N, C-alpha and C. Protein backbone atom coordinates (compact mmCIF):
# COMPACT_ATOMS: atom_id res chain seq x y z
N MET A 1 0.84 -1.19 0.00
CA MET A 1 0.00 0.00 0.00
C MET A 1 0.89 1.25 0.00
N LYS A 2 0.53 2.22 -0.82
CA LYS A 2 1.31 3.46 -0.92
C LYS A 2 1.00 4.38 0.27
N PRO A 3 1.99 5.19 0.64
CA PRO A 3 1.75 6.16 1.71
C PRO A 3 0.72 7.19 1.29
N LYS A 4 0.11 7.82 2.26
CA LYS A 4 -0.85 8.88 1.96
C LYS A 4 -0.09 10.10 1.45
N LEU A 5 -0.37 10.45 0.22
CA LEU A 5 0.33 11.51 -0.48
C LEU A 5 0.34 12.82 0.29
N ARG A 6 -0.80 13.25 0.75
CA ARG A 6 -0.89 14.54 1.43
C ARG A 6 -0.01 14.56 2.68
N LEU A 7 0.00 13.49 3.46
CA LEU A 7 0.80 13.45 4.69
C LEU A 7 2.29 13.51 4.39
N VAL A 8 2.73 12.79 3.37
CA VAL A 8 4.15 12.83 2.99
C VAL A 8 4.51 14.22 2.50
N ALA A 9 3.67 14.78 1.63
CA ALA A 9 3.95 16.12 1.08
C ALA A 9 3.99 17.17 2.18
N GLU A 10 3.07 17.11 3.12
CA GLU A 10 3.07 18.08 4.22
C GLU A 10 4.30 17.92 5.10
N TYR A 11 4.69 16.68 5.38
CA TYR A 11 5.88 16.44 6.19
C TYR A 11 7.13 17.03 5.53
N VAL A 12 7.30 16.71 4.25
CA VAL A 12 8.46 17.21 3.52
C VAL A 12 8.45 18.74 3.47
N HIS A 13 7.29 19.31 3.20
CA HIS A 13 7.17 20.76 3.14
C HIS A 13 7.47 21.40 4.50
N ASN A 14 6.96 20.82 5.57
CA ASN A 14 7.16 21.36 6.91
C ASN A 14 8.58 21.18 7.42
N ASN A 15 9.36 20.39 6.74
CA ASN A 15 10.76 20.18 7.09
C ASN A 15 11.64 20.59 5.91
N ALA A 16 11.38 21.78 5.42
CA ALA A 16 12.00 22.26 4.18
C ALA A 16 13.51 22.46 4.27
N ASP A 17 14.07 22.50 5.48
CA ASP A 17 15.52 22.63 5.61
C ASP A 17 16.23 21.32 5.31
N ASN A 18 15.49 20.25 5.23
CA ASN A 18 16.06 18.93 4.95
C ASN A 18 15.90 18.58 3.48
N ILE A 19 16.67 17.60 3.07
CA ILE A 19 16.61 17.07 1.72
C ILE A 19 16.09 15.65 1.84
N TYR A 20 15.13 15.31 1.01
CA TYR A 20 14.54 13.98 1.07
C TYR A 20 14.84 13.23 -0.21
N ILE A 21 15.57 12.16 -0.07
CA ILE A 21 15.84 11.26 -1.17
C ILE A 21 14.77 10.18 -1.06
N MET A 22 13.98 10.05 -2.10
CA MET A 22 12.83 9.15 -2.01
C MET A 22 12.93 8.01 -2.99
N ASN A 23 12.49 6.87 -2.53
CA ASN A 23 12.26 5.75 -3.41
C ASN A 23 11.37 6.27 -4.54
N SER A 24 11.69 5.93 -5.77
CA SER A 24 10.98 6.54 -6.90
C SER A 24 9.48 6.30 -6.88
N GLY A 25 9.03 5.19 -6.32
CA GLY A 25 7.58 4.95 -6.25
C GLY A 25 6.87 5.98 -5.39
N VAL A 26 7.46 6.34 -4.26
CA VAL A 26 6.89 7.36 -3.40
C VAL A 26 7.02 8.73 -4.07
N ALA A 27 8.19 9.03 -4.60
CA ALA A 27 8.44 10.34 -5.22
C ALA A 27 7.57 10.57 -6.44
N ASN A 28 7.34 9.54 -7.23
CA ASN A 28 6.49 9.71 -8.41
C ASN A 28 5.10 10.16 -8.02
N SER A 29 4.60 9.65 -6.93
CA SER A 29 3.28 10.07 -6.45
C SER A 29 3.30 11.53 -6.04
N LEU A 30 4.43 11.99 -5.52
CA LEU A 30 4.52 13.37 -5.06
C LEU A 30 4.74 14.36 -6.19
N ASN A 31 5.65 14.05 -7.09
CA ASN A 31 6.07 15.04 -8.06
C ASN A 31 5.45 14.92 -9.44
N ASP A 32 5.04 13.74 -9.83
CA ASP A 32 4.67 13.56 -11.23
C ASP A 32 3.23 13.10 -11.46
N ALA A 33 2.67 12.40 -10.54
CA ALA A 33 1.49 11.62 -10.88
C ALA A 33 0.18 12.23 -10.42
N THR A 34 -0.80 11.45 -10.55
CA THR A 34 -2.20 11.79 -10.39
C THR A 34 -2.58 12.82 -9.35
N PRO A 35 -2.55 12.50 -8.06
CA PRO A 35 -3.21 13.40 -7.13
C PRO A 35 -2.47 14.69 -6.80
N ILE A 36 -1.36 14.98 -7.46
CA ILE A 36 -0.64 16.22 -7.14
C ILE A 36 -1.54 17.43 -7.38
N LYS A 37 -2.46 17.33 -8.32
CA LYS A 37 -3.38 18.45 -8.59
C LYS A 37 -4.26 18.76 -7.39
N ASP A 38 -4.42 17.77 -6.50
CA ASP A 38 -5.23 17.97 -5.32
C ASP A 38 -4.47 18.62 -4.17
N ILE A 39 -3.19 18.79 -4.35
CA ILE A 39 -2.37 19.37 -3.29
C ILE A 39 -2.04 20.81 -3.69
N SER A 40 -2.22 21.70 -2.77
CA SER A 40 -2.02 23.11 -3.08
C SER A 40 -0.56 23.38 -3.45
N LYS A 41 -0.32 24.43 -4.21
CA LYS A 41 1.03 24.79 -4.62
C LYS A 41 1.91 25.14 -3.43
N GLU A 42 1.32 25.52 -2.32
CA GLU A 42 2.10 25.88 -1.15
C GLU A 42 2.88 24.71 -0.57
N ILE A 43 2.44 23.50 -0.83
CA ILE A 43 3.17 22.36 -0.28
C ILE A 43 3.82 21.52 -1.38
N TYR A 44 4.13 22.14 -2.50
CA TYR A 44 4.87 21.42 -3.53
C TYR A 44 6.25 21.05 -3.00
N CYS A 45 6.71 19.89 -3.30
CA CYS A 45 7.91 19.32 -2.67
C CYS A 45 9.16 19.59 -3.49
N TYR A 46 9.75 20.75 -3.33
CA TYR A 46 10.96 21.10 -4.07
C TYR A 46 12.20 20.47 -3.47
N ASN A 47 12.14 20.01 -2.24
CA ASN A 47 13.31 19.45 -1.57
C ASN A 47 13.32 17.92 -1.63
N VAL A 48 12.87 17.38 -2.76
CA VAL A 48 12.81 15.94 -2.96
C VAL A 48 13.64 15.57 -4.18
N ILE A 49 14.48 14.56 -4.02
CA ILE A 49 15.22 13.99 -5.15
C ILE A 49 14.82 12.53 -5.25
N LYS A 50 14.46 12.11 -6.45
CA LYS A 50 14.06 10.73 -6.67
C LYS A 50 15.29 9.84 -6.81
N ALA A 51 15.18 8.65 -6.27
CA ALA A 51 16.23 7.64 -6.43
C ALA A 51 15.67 6.49 -7.24
N GLY A 52 16.34 6.19 -8.34
CA GLY A 52 15.94 5.04 -9.13
C GLY A 52 14.79 5.28 -10.08
N SER A 53 14.83 6.38 -10.81
CA SER A 53 13.77 6.65 -11.78
C SER A 53 14.40 7.21 -13.05
N TRP A 54 13.57 7.47 -14.04
CA TRP A 54 14.07 8.06 -15.28
C TRP A 54 14.62 9.46 -15.04
N ASP A 55 14.22 10.08 -13.95
CA ASP A 55 14.70 11.41 -13.62
C ASP A 55 16.13 11.41 -13.09
N SER A 56 16.57 10.25 -12.59
CA SER A 56 17.94 10.16 -12.07
C SER A 56 18.94 10.52 -13.16
N PHE A 57 19.86 11.37 -12.82
CA PHE A 57 20.95 11.82 -13.70
C PHE A 57 20.46 12.67 -14.87
N SER A 58 19.28 13.24 -14.75
CA SER A 58 18.77 14.17 -15.75
C SER A 58 19.32 15.57 -15.44
N GLY A 59 19.05 16.51 -16.31
CA GLY A 59 19.45 17.90 -16.06
C GLY A 59 18.85 18.42 -14.76
N ARG A 60 17.57 18.13 -14.54
CA ARG A 60 16.91 18.57 -13.32
C ARG A 60 17.55 17.95 -12.09
N TYR A 61 17.88 16.67 -12.18
CA TYR A 61 18.54 15.96 -11.08
C TYR A 61 19.85 16.65 -10.71
N TYR A 62 20.69 16.93 -11.70
CA TYR A 62 21.98 17.57 -11.40
C TYR A 62 21.80 18.99 -10.88
N GLU A 63 20.79 19.69 -11.36
CA GLU A 63 20.52 21.03 -10.85
C GLU A 63 20.11 20.96 -9.38
N GLN A 64 19.26 20.01 -9.04
CA GLN A 64 18.86 19.84 -7.65
C GLN A 64 20.06 19.51 -6.76
N THR A 65 20.90 18.58 -7.19
CA THR A 65 22.05 18.20 -6.37
C THR A 65 23.00 19.39 -6.18
N LYS A 66 23.09 20.23 -7.19
CA LYS A 66 23.92 21.44 -7.09
C LYS A 66 23.33 22.42 -6.07
N VAL A 67 22.02 22.65 -6.17
CA VAL A 67 21.34 23.56 -5.25
C VAL A 67 21.47 23.06 -3.81
N PHE A 68 21.36 21.76 -3.61
CA PHE A 68 21.44 21.18 -2.27
C PHE A 68 22.88 21.02 -1.79
N GLY A 69 23.84 21.31 -2.63
CA GLY A 69 25.24 21.23 -2.22
C GLY A 69 25.77 19.82 -2.08
N PHE A 70 25.25 18.89 -2.86
CA PHE A 70 25.73 17.51 -2.78
C PHE A 70 27.19 17.44 -3.19
N THR A 71 27.97 16.71 -2.44
CA THR A 71 29.38 16.51 -2.79
C THR A 71 29.57 15.28 -3.68
N HIS A 72 28.55 14.43 -3.75
CA HIS A 72 28.61 13.21 -4.55
C HIS A 72 27.33 13.06 -5.38
N PRO A 73 27.12 13.91 -6.38
CA PRO A 73 25.86 13.82 -7.14
C PRO A 73 25.71 12.50 -7.89
N GLU A 74 26.81 11.81 -8.11
CA GLU A 74 26.72 10.52 -8.81
C GLU A 74 26.10 9.43 -7.93
N SER A 75 25.96 9.70 -6.63
CA SER A 75 25.36 8.72 -5.73
C SER A 75 24.58 9.41 -4.63
N VAL A 76 23.28 9.53 -4.81
CA VAL A 76 22.47 10.15 -3.76
C VAL A 76 22.51 9.33 -2.48
N PHE A 77 22.73 8.03 -2.61
CA PHE A 77 22.81 7.21 -1.41
C PHE A 77 24.05 7.51 -0.59
N ARG A 78 25.15 7.80 -1.25
CA ARG A 78 26.35 8.20 -0.52
C ARG A 78 26.11 9.51 0.22
N GLU A 79 25.31 10.37 -0.37
CA GLU A 79 24.98 11.64 0.26
C GLU A 79 24.26 11.43 1.60
N LEU A 80 23.51 10.35 1.72
CA LEU A 80 22.83 10.05 2.98
C LEU A 80 23.84 9.91 4.13
N ALA A 81 25.00 9.36 3.83
CA ALA A 81 26.03 9.17 4.86
C ALA A 81 26.80 10.46 5.14
N ASP A 82 26.88 11.33 4.15
CA ASP A 82 27.74 12.52 4.27
C ASP A 82 27.00 13.81 4.56
N ASN A 83 25.70 13.82 4.46
CA ASN A 83 24.93 15.05 4.60
C ASN A 83 23.90 14.87 5.73
N SER A 84 24.10 15.56 6.83
CA SER A 84 23.24 15.36 8.00
C SER A 84 21.80 15.85 7.78
N SER A 85 21.56 16.60 6.73
CA SER A 85 20.19 17.05 6.46
C SER A 85 19.50 16.21 5.38
N ALA A 86 20.14 15.13 4.97
CA ALA A 86 19.57 14.24 3.96
C ALA A 86 18.92 13.03 4.62
N TYR A 87 17.69 12.75 4.21
CA TYR A 87 16.92 11.63 4.74
C TYR A 87 16.38 10.81 3.59
N TYR A 88 16.05 9.57 3.88
CA TYR A 88 15.50 8.68 2.87
C TYR A 88 14.06 8.32 3.23
N ILE A 89 13.16 8.45 2.26
CA ILE A 89 11.76 8.09 2.47
C ILE A 89 11.40 6.95 1.51
N THR A 90 10.78 5.95 2.07
CA THR A 90 10.38 4.80 1.29
C THR A 90 9.09 4.22 1.86
N SER A 91 8.56 3.26 1.16
CA SER A 91 7.43 2.51 1.70
C SER A 91 7.80 1.03 1.86
N TYR A 92 9.08 0.73 1.63
CA TYR A 92 9.58 -0.65 1.72
C TYR A 92 10.48 -0.81 2.93
N GLU A 93 10.16 -1.76 3.78
CA GLU A 93 10.88 -1.92 5.04
C GLU A 93 12.35 -2.30 4.86
N ASN A 94 12.72 -3.00 3.82
CA ASN A 94 14.10 -3.45 3.69
C ASN A 94 14.99 -2.50 2.88
N ASP A 95 14.47 -1.38 2.43
CA ASP A 95 15.27 -0.43 1.64
C ASP A 95 16.48 0.10 2.40
N ALA A 96 16.32 0.45 3.66
CA ALA A 96 17.43 1.01 4.43
C ALA A 96 18.57 0.01 4.56
N GLN A 97 18.23 -1.24 4.77
CA GLN A 97 19.27 -2.27 4.89
C GLN A 97 20.02 -2.42 3.57
N ARG A 98 19.31 -2.35 2.46
CA ARG A 98 19.96 -2.44 1.14
C ARG A 98 20.92 -1.27 0.92
N ILE A 99 20.50 -0.08 1.32
CA ILE A 99 21.36 1.10 1.17
C ILE A 99 22.58 0.97 2.07
N LYS A 100 22.38 0.48 3.28
CA LYS A 100 23.50 0.27 4.21
C LYS A 100 24.53 -0.68 3.60
N ILE A 101 24.07 -1.76 3.01
CA ILE A 101 24.97 -2.73 2.37
C ILE A 101 25.68 -2.09 1.18
N LEU A 102 24.95 -1.35 0.37
CA LEU A 102 25.55 -0.66 -0.78
C LEU A 102 26.68 0.28 -0.33
N LEU A 103 26.42 1.06 0.72
CA LEU A 103 27.44 1.98 1.22
C LEU A 103 28.67 1.24 1.72
N GLU A 104 28.47 0.12 2.39
CA GLU A 104 29.59 -0.66 2.91
C GLU A 104 30.39 -1.31 1.78
N GLU A 105 29.68 -1.93 0.83
CA GLU A 105 30.36 -2.70 -0.21
C GLU A 105 30.99 -1.84 -1.30
N HIS A 106 30.36 -0.73 -1.65
CA HIS A 106 30.85 0.07 -2.77
C HIS A 106 31.69 1.28 -2.36
N TYR A 107 31.48 1.78 -1.15
CA TYR A 107 32.16 3.00 -0.73
C TYR A 107 32.95 2.84 0.57
N ASP A 108 32.92 1.63 1.14
CA ASP A 108 33.61 1.36 2.41
C ASP A 108 33.18 2.35 3.50
N ILE A 109 31.88 2.61 3.53
CA ILE A 109 31.29 3.52 4.52
C ILE A 109 30.35 2.71 5.41
N THR A 110 30.59 2.77 6.70
CA THR A 110 29.71 2.10 7.66
C THR A 110 28.80 3.16 8.26
N VAL A 111 27.51 2.85 8.30
CA VAL A 111 26.54 3.81 8.81
C VAL A 111 25.64 3.18 9.86
N GLU A 112 25.12 4.04 10.71
CA GLU A 112 24.05 3.66 11.63
C GLU A 112 22.76 4.18 11.00
N VAL A 113 21.75 3.33 10.95
CA VAL A 113 20.48 3.69 10.35
C VAL A 113 19.44 3.84 11.45
N ASN A 114 18.71 4.94 11.42
CA ASN A 114 17.65 5.18 12.40
C ASN A 114 16.36 5.53 11.69
N GLU A 115 15.28 4.98 12.20
CA GLU A 115 13.96 5.32 11.67
C GLU A 115 13.45 6.56 12.40
N ILE A 116 12.95 7.52 11.62
CA ILE A 116 12.40 8.75 12.16
C ILE A 116 10.90 8.55 12.36
N ASP A 117 10.41 8.92 13.51
CA ASP A 117 8.98 8.78 13.78
C ASP A 117 8.23 9.97 13.19
N ALA A 118 7.64 9.76 12.02
CA ALA A 118 6.92 10.84 11.34
C ALA A 118 5.41 10.62 11.39
N ASP A 119 4.99 9.47 11.86
CA ASP A 119 3.57 9.15 11.97
C ASP A 119 2.84 9.30 10.64
N ILE A 120 3.42 8.72 9.59
CA ILE A 120 2.81 8.71 8.27
C ILE A 120 2.56 7.26 7.90
N PRO A 121 1.31 6.86 7.78
CA PRO A 121 1.02 5.46 7.44
C PRO A 121 1.69 5.04 6.14
N ASN A 122 2.34 3.88 6.17
CA ASN A 122 2.98 3.26 5.00
C ASN A 122 4.17 4.04 4.45
N ALA A 123 4.70 4.99 5.18
CA ALA A 123 5.92 5.68 4.78
C ALA A 123 6.94 5.54 5.91
N ILE A 124 8.17 5.28 5.53
CA ILE A 124 9.24 5.13 6.51
C ILE A 124 10.32 6.15 6.16
N ILE A 125 10.73 6.92 7.15
CA ILE A 125 11.78 7.91 6.95
C ILE A 125 13.00 7.46 7.75
N TYR A 126 14.14 7.43 7.08
CA TYR A 126 15.38 6.97 7.72
C TYR A 126 16.43 8.08 7.70
N SER A 127 17.22 8.11 8.76
CA SER A 127 18.44 8.92 8.76
C SER A 127 19.61 7.95 8.74
N PHE A 128 20.69 8.37 8.15
CA PHE A 128 21.90 7.57 8.07
C PHE A 128 23.03 8.40 8.67
N LYS A 129 23.74 7.82 9.62
CA LYS A 129 24.85 8.54 10.25
C LYS A 129 26.11 7.70 10.08
N ARG A 130 27.11 8.34 9.54
CA ARG A 130 28.38 7.66 9.31
C ARG A 130 29.02 7.29 10.64
N ASP A 131 29.47 6.01 10.74
CA ASP A 131 30.23 5.59 11.91
C ASP A 131 31.64 6.13 11.80
N GLU A 132 32.13 6.68 12.87
CA GLU A 132 33.49 7.26 12.85
C GLU A 132 34.52 6.25 13.27
């Protein structure tokens, strides 16, 4: 079941100082698809970068990573370990573990993963903190 669009959009908007890297299924609902017309322009989610979609590595993608000051635009997942204001939103429980393994195996980065209590049904928000 997909997360409730309005709740995710409001959360992201209300935490505009953060950057949200989203599983493309969740992000597509927010930025591209059907019910976005039902959400007012005031809560449009400009601080969202999709992971794993056709938008990845597009001109818009690189512009967003530049605006957000990403040091590793080639890997938004690496940014989760290096940027304390970057969070991951998904609706899949095992996504964080997959990202943790990717960071360890491909970048030799060990992270602690924490779930953020956002009280959004079917949406999980994770923070990643690099182990020192």
